[in-house]
Amino acid sequence: MNRTAAITAAALALALAATLTACSSSDSDSKPAAKAPAYKITHQDKSGNQRRVTVEVKTGKSLRAVFDDVAAKLTAPAGYFVEINCATGGAAKADNRLANGRKAVGNVGAASTGLGDGKTDYEAQQGATCPA
């Protein structure tokens, strides 16, 4: 194969790969976002490189949707640490934690959370529920 034919073949292969990549999608792309149930932000730090956000819910259902909704509204450069608690069942010295999450916004947020810029991390507490 001569040099011109090799360059043409390489260009066609790259174009084909780019087309296939651009057309691909994952299951998460086609699913609608879950609607968050009602929640209340009871504490939110307004400054600093690390900011705590405390959220109360009345039910333990759809906690990921609550986290995603809260995280979408956190846009100032910082590392956010989100606590989701049940509005009932806690005590003065201990809350009723249902889930924790983190979000990194900007380089400061990435350094504060250990996540990449714009990335989130979420973890529900196993077996945690809101009292009836």
C-alpha atoms as a PDB file:
ATOM      1  CA  MET A   1       0.000   0.000   0.000  1.00  0.00           C
ATOM      2  CA  ASN A   2       1.405   3.386  -0.913  1.00  0.00           C
ATOM      3  CA  ARG A   3       1.598   6.310   1.493  1.00  0.00           C
ATOM      4  CA  THR A   4      -1.469   8.154   0.097  1.00  0.00           C
ATOM      5  CA  ALA A   5      -3.636   5.049   0.358  1.00  0.00           C
ATOM      6  CA  ALA A   6      -2.449   4.446   3.949  1.00  0.00           C
ATOM      7  CA  ILE A   7      -3.268   8.035   4.956  1.00  0.00           C
ATOM      8  CA  THR A   8      -6.691   7.803   3.301  1.00  0.00           C
ATOM      9  CA  ALA A   9      -7.449   4.491   5.047  1.00  0.00           C
ATOM     10  CA  ALA A  10      -6.375   5.921   8.417  1.00  0.00           C
ATOM     11  CA  ALA A  11      -8.547   9.016   7.899  1.00  0.00           C
ATOM     12  CA  LEU A  12     -11.558   6.852   7.002  1.00  0.00           C
ATOM     13  CA  ALA A  13     -11.004   4.670  10.076  1.00  0.00           C
ATOM     14  CA  LEU A  14     -10.863   7.734  12.334  1.00  0.00           C
ATOM     15  CA  ALA A  15     -14.002   9.193  10.740  1.00  0.00           C
ATOM     16  CA  LEU A  16     -15.844   5.892  11.215  1.00  0.00           C
ATOM     17  CA  ALA A  17     -14.759   5.653  14.858  1.00  0.00           C
ATOM     18  CA  ALA A  18     -15.858   9.238  15.513  1.00  0.00           C
ATOM     19  CA  THR A  19     -19.247   8.567  13.916  1.00  0.00           C
ATOM     20  CA  LEU A  20     -19.811   5.422  15.968  1.00  0.00           C
ATOM     21  CA  THR A  21     -18.786   7.181  19.183  1.00  0.00           C
ATOM     22  CA  ALA A  22     -21.031  10.167  18.508  1.00  0.00           C
ATOM     23  CA  CYS A  23     -24.054   7.940  17.902  1.00  0.00           C
ATOM     24  CA  SER A  24     -23.620   5.705  20.908  1.00  0.00           C
ATOM     25  CA  SER A  25     -25.670   6.199  24.052  1.00  0.00           C
ATOM     26  CA  SER A  26     -26.025   4.515  27.401  1.00  0.00           C
ATOM     27  CA  ASP A  27     -29.164   3.465  29.215  1.00  0.00           C
ATOM     28  CA  SER A  28     -28.797   6.400  31.587  1.00  0.00           C
ATOM     29  CA  ASP A  29     -29.059   8.824  28.664  1.00  0.00           C
ATOM     30  CA  SER A  30     -32.509   7.575  27.715  1.00  0.00           C
ATOM     31  CA  LYS A  31     -34.026   7.400  31.211  1.00  0.00           C
ATOM     32  CA  PRO A  32     -35.862  10.457  32.511  1.00  0.00           C
ATOM     33  CA  ALA A  33     -34.536  11.902  35.757  1.00  0.00           C
ATOM     34  CA  ALA A  34     -36.434  10.770  38.837  1.00  0.00           C
ATOM     35  CA  LYS A  35     -38.532  13.469  40.466  1.00  0.00           C
ATOM     36  CA  ALA A  36     -37.276  14.329  43.926  1.00  0.00           C
ATOM     37  CA  PRO A  37     -39.765  14.069  46.781  1.00  0.00           C
ATOM     38  CA  ALA A  38     -40.194  17.065  49.074  1.00  0.00           C
ATOM     39  CA  TYR A  39     -37.134  17.986  51.121  1.00  0.00           C
ATOM     40  CA  LYS A  40     -35.891  20.886  53.212  1.00  0.00           C
ATOM     41  CA  ILE A  41     -32.342  22.250  53.385  1.00  0.00           C
ATOM     42  CA  THR A  42     -31.805  22.911  57.096  1.00  0.00           C
ATOM     43  CA  HIS A  43     -28.168  24.012  56.893  1.00  0.00           C
ATOM     44  CA  GLN A  44     -25.934  25.184  54.053  1.00  0.00           C
ATOM     45  CA  ASP A  45     -22.473  26.706  54.400  1.00  0.00           C
ATOM     46  CA  LYS A  46     -22.184  29.777  52.187  1.00  0.00           C
ATOM     47  CA  SER A  47     -18.392  30.102  52.125  1.00  0.00           C
ATOM     48  CA  GLY A  48     -15.220  28.065  52.366  1.00  0.00           C
ATOM     49  CA  ASN A  49     -13.512  25.407  50.291  1.00  0.00           C
ATOM     50  CA  GLN A  50     -15.452  22.643  52.048  1.00  0.00           C
ATOM     51  CA  ARG A  51     -19.152  23.250  52.526  1.00  0.00           C
ATOM     52  CA  ARG A  52     -21.698  21.165  54.412  1.00  0.00           C
ATOM     53  CA  VAL A  53     -25.301  20.918  53.241  1.00  0.00           C
ATOM     54  CA  THR A  54     -27.847  19.234  55.524  1.00  0.00           C
ATOM     55  CA  VAL A  55     -31.147  18.087  54.061  1.00  0.00           C
ATOM     56  CA  GLU A  56     -34.211  16.691  55.843  1.00  0.00           C
ATOM     57  CA  VAL A  57     -36.782  14.408  54.241  1.00  0.00           C
ATOM     58  CA  LYS A  58     -39.959  12.821  55.568  1.00  0.00           C
ATOM     59  CA  THR A  59     -39.495   9.541  53.739  1.00  0.00           C
ATOM     60  CA  GLY A  60     -36.584   7.316  52.869  1.00  0.00           C
ATOM     61  CA  LYS A  61     -37.778   6.895  49.287  1.00  0.00           C
ATOM     62  CA  SER A  62     -36.044   8.362  46.248  1.00  0.00           C
ATOM     63  CA  LEU A  63     -33.048   9.612  48.225  1.00  0.00           C
ATOM     64  CA  ARG A  64     -30.826   9.549  45.140  1.00  0.00           C
ATOM     65  CA  ALA A  65     -33.258  11.903  43.409  1.00  0.00           C
ATOM     66  CA  VAL A  66     -33.098  14.226  46.427  1.00  0.00           C
ATOM     67  CA  PHE A  67     -29.287  14.197  46.312  1.00  0.00           C
ATOM     68  CA  ASP A  68     -29.226  14.797  42.551  1.00  0.00           C
ATOM     69  CA  ASP A  69     -31.645  17.730  42.893  1.00  0.00           C
ATOM     70  CA  VAL A  70     -29.632  19.322  45.697  1.00  0.00           C
ATOM     71  CA  ALA A  71     -26.300  18.704  43.927  1.00  0.00           C
ATOM     72  CA  ALA A  72     -27.581  20.311  40.713  1.00  0.00           C
ATOM     73  CA  LYS A  73     -28.094  23.557  42.620  1.00  0.00           C
ATOM     74  CA  LEU A  74     -24.560  23.642  44.068  1.00  0.00           C
ATOM     75  CA  THR A  75     -22.600  25.688  41.548  1.00  0.00           C
ATOM     76  CA  ALA A  76     -20.075  27.866  43.415  1.00  0.00           C
ATOM     77  CA  PRO A  77     -16.498  26.504  43.371  1.00  0.00           C
ATOM     78  CA  ALA A  78     -16.147  24.337  46.510  1.00  0.00           C
ATOM     79  CA  GLY A  79     -16.263  20.790  47.790  1.00  0.00           C
ATOM     80  CA  TYR A  80     -19.768  19.978  49.008  1.00  0.00           C
ATOM     81  CA  PHE A  81     -20.624  17.343  51.598  1.00  0.00           C
ATOM     82  CA  VAL A  82     -24.358  16.586  51.577  1.00  0.00           C
ATOM     83  CA  GLU A  83     -26.060  14.890  54.520  1.00  0.00           C
ATOM     84  CA  ILE A  84     -29.594  13.579  54.051  1.00  0.00           C
ATOM     85  CA  ASN A  85     -31.439  13.003  57.327  1.00  0.00           C
ATOM     86  CA  CYS A  86     -34.913  11.887  58.249  1.00  0.00           C
ATOM     87  CA  ALA A  87     -36.926  14.798  59.668  1.00  0.00           C
ATOM     88  CA  THR A  88     -38.065  12.503  62.502  1.00  0.00           C
ATOM     89  CA  GLY A  89     -36.294   9.982  64.679  1.00  0.00           C
ATOM     90  CA  GLY A  90     -33.129  11.929  65.400  1.00  0.00           C
ATOM     91  CA  ALA A  91     -31.873  13.149  68.759  1.00  0.00           C
ATOM     92  CA  ALA A  92     -30.089  16.281  69.937  1.00  0.00           C
ATOM     93  CA  LYS A  93     -26.717  14.514  69.743  1.00  0.00           C
ATOM     94  CA  ALA A  94     -27.384  12.211  66.776  1.00  0.00           C
ATOM     95  CA  ASP A  95     -29.298  12.754  63.573  1.00  0.00           C
ATOM     96  CA  ASN A  96     -31.154  10.044  61.694  1.00  0.00           C
ATOM     97  CA  ARG A  97     -28.804   9.826  58.687  1.00  0.00           C
ATOM     98  CA  LEU A  98     -30.199   8.193  55.562  1.00  0.00           C
ATOM     99  CA  ALA A  99     -27.520   9.050  52.986  1.00  0.00           C
ATOM    100  CA  ASN A 100     -24.320  10.997  52.322  1.00  0.00           C
ATOM    101  CA  GLY A 101     -23.030  12.542  49.141  1.00  0.00           C
ATOM    102  CA  ARG A 102     -20.225  14.692  47.791  1.00  0.00           C
ATOM    103  CA  LYS A 103     -19.906  17.067  44.870  1.00  0.00           C
ATOM    104  CA  ALA A 104     -16.818  18.784  43.479  1.00  0.00           C
ATOM    105  CA  VAL A 105     -17.150  22.145  41.748  1.00  0.00           C
ATOM    106  CA  GLY A 106     -13.946  23.539  40.275  1.00  0.00           C
ATOM    107  CA  ASN A 107     -10.362  22.725  41.216  1.00  0.00           C
ATOM    108  CA  VAL A 108     -11.002  23.690  44.849  1.00  0.00           C
ATOM    109  CA  GLY A 109     -13.921  21.260  45.002  1.00  0.00           C
ATOM    110  CA  ALA A 110     -11.877  18.519  43.408  1.00  0.00           C
ATOM    111  CA  ALA A 111      -9.070  19.028  45.921  1.00  0.00           C
ATOM    112  CA  SER A 112     -11.546  19.148  48.835  1.00  0.00           C
ATOM    113  CA  THR A 113     -13.502  16.018  47.935  1.00  0.00           C
ATOM    114  CA  GLY A 114     -11.032  13.888  46.013  1.00  0.00           C
ATOM    115  CA  LEU A 115     -13.496  13.778  43.110  1.00  0.00           C
ATOM    116  CA  GLY A 116     -13.009  15.184  39.630  1.00  0.00           C
ATOM    117  CA  ASP A 117     -14.456  18.620  38.830  1.00  0.00           C
ATOM    118  CA  GLY A 118     -18.219  18.302  38.362  1.00  0.00           C
ATOM    119  CA  LYS A 119     -18.326  14.746  39.717  1.00  0.00           C
ATOM    120  CA  THR A 120     -20.558  13.460  42.495  1.00  0.00           C
ATOM    121  CA  ASP A 121     -20.494  10.517  44.872  1.00  0.00           C
ATOM    122  CA  TYR A 122     -23.562   9.194  46.711  1.00  0.00           C
ATOM    123  CA  GLU A 123     -24.045   6.478  49.311  1.00  0.00           C
ATOM    124  CA  ALA A 124     -27.270   5.478  51.070  1.00  0.00           C
ATOM    125  CA  GLN A 125     -26.948   4.134  54.609  1.00  0.00           C
ATOM    126  CA  GLN A 126     -27.863   0.441  54.584  1.00  0.00           C
ATOM    127  CA  GLY A 127     -31.048  -0.304  56.511  1.00  0.00           C
ATOM    128  CA  ALA A 128     -31.715   3.308  57.507  1.00  0.00           C
ATOM    129  CA  THR A 129     -35.375   4.330  57.450  1.00  0.00           C
ATOM    130  CA  CYS A 130     -37.607   7.141  58.635  1.00  0.00           C
ATOM    131  CA  PRO A 131     -39.792   6.193  61.604  1.00  0.00           C
ATOM    132  CA  ALA A 132     -43.506   6.072  60.803  1.00  0.00           C
END
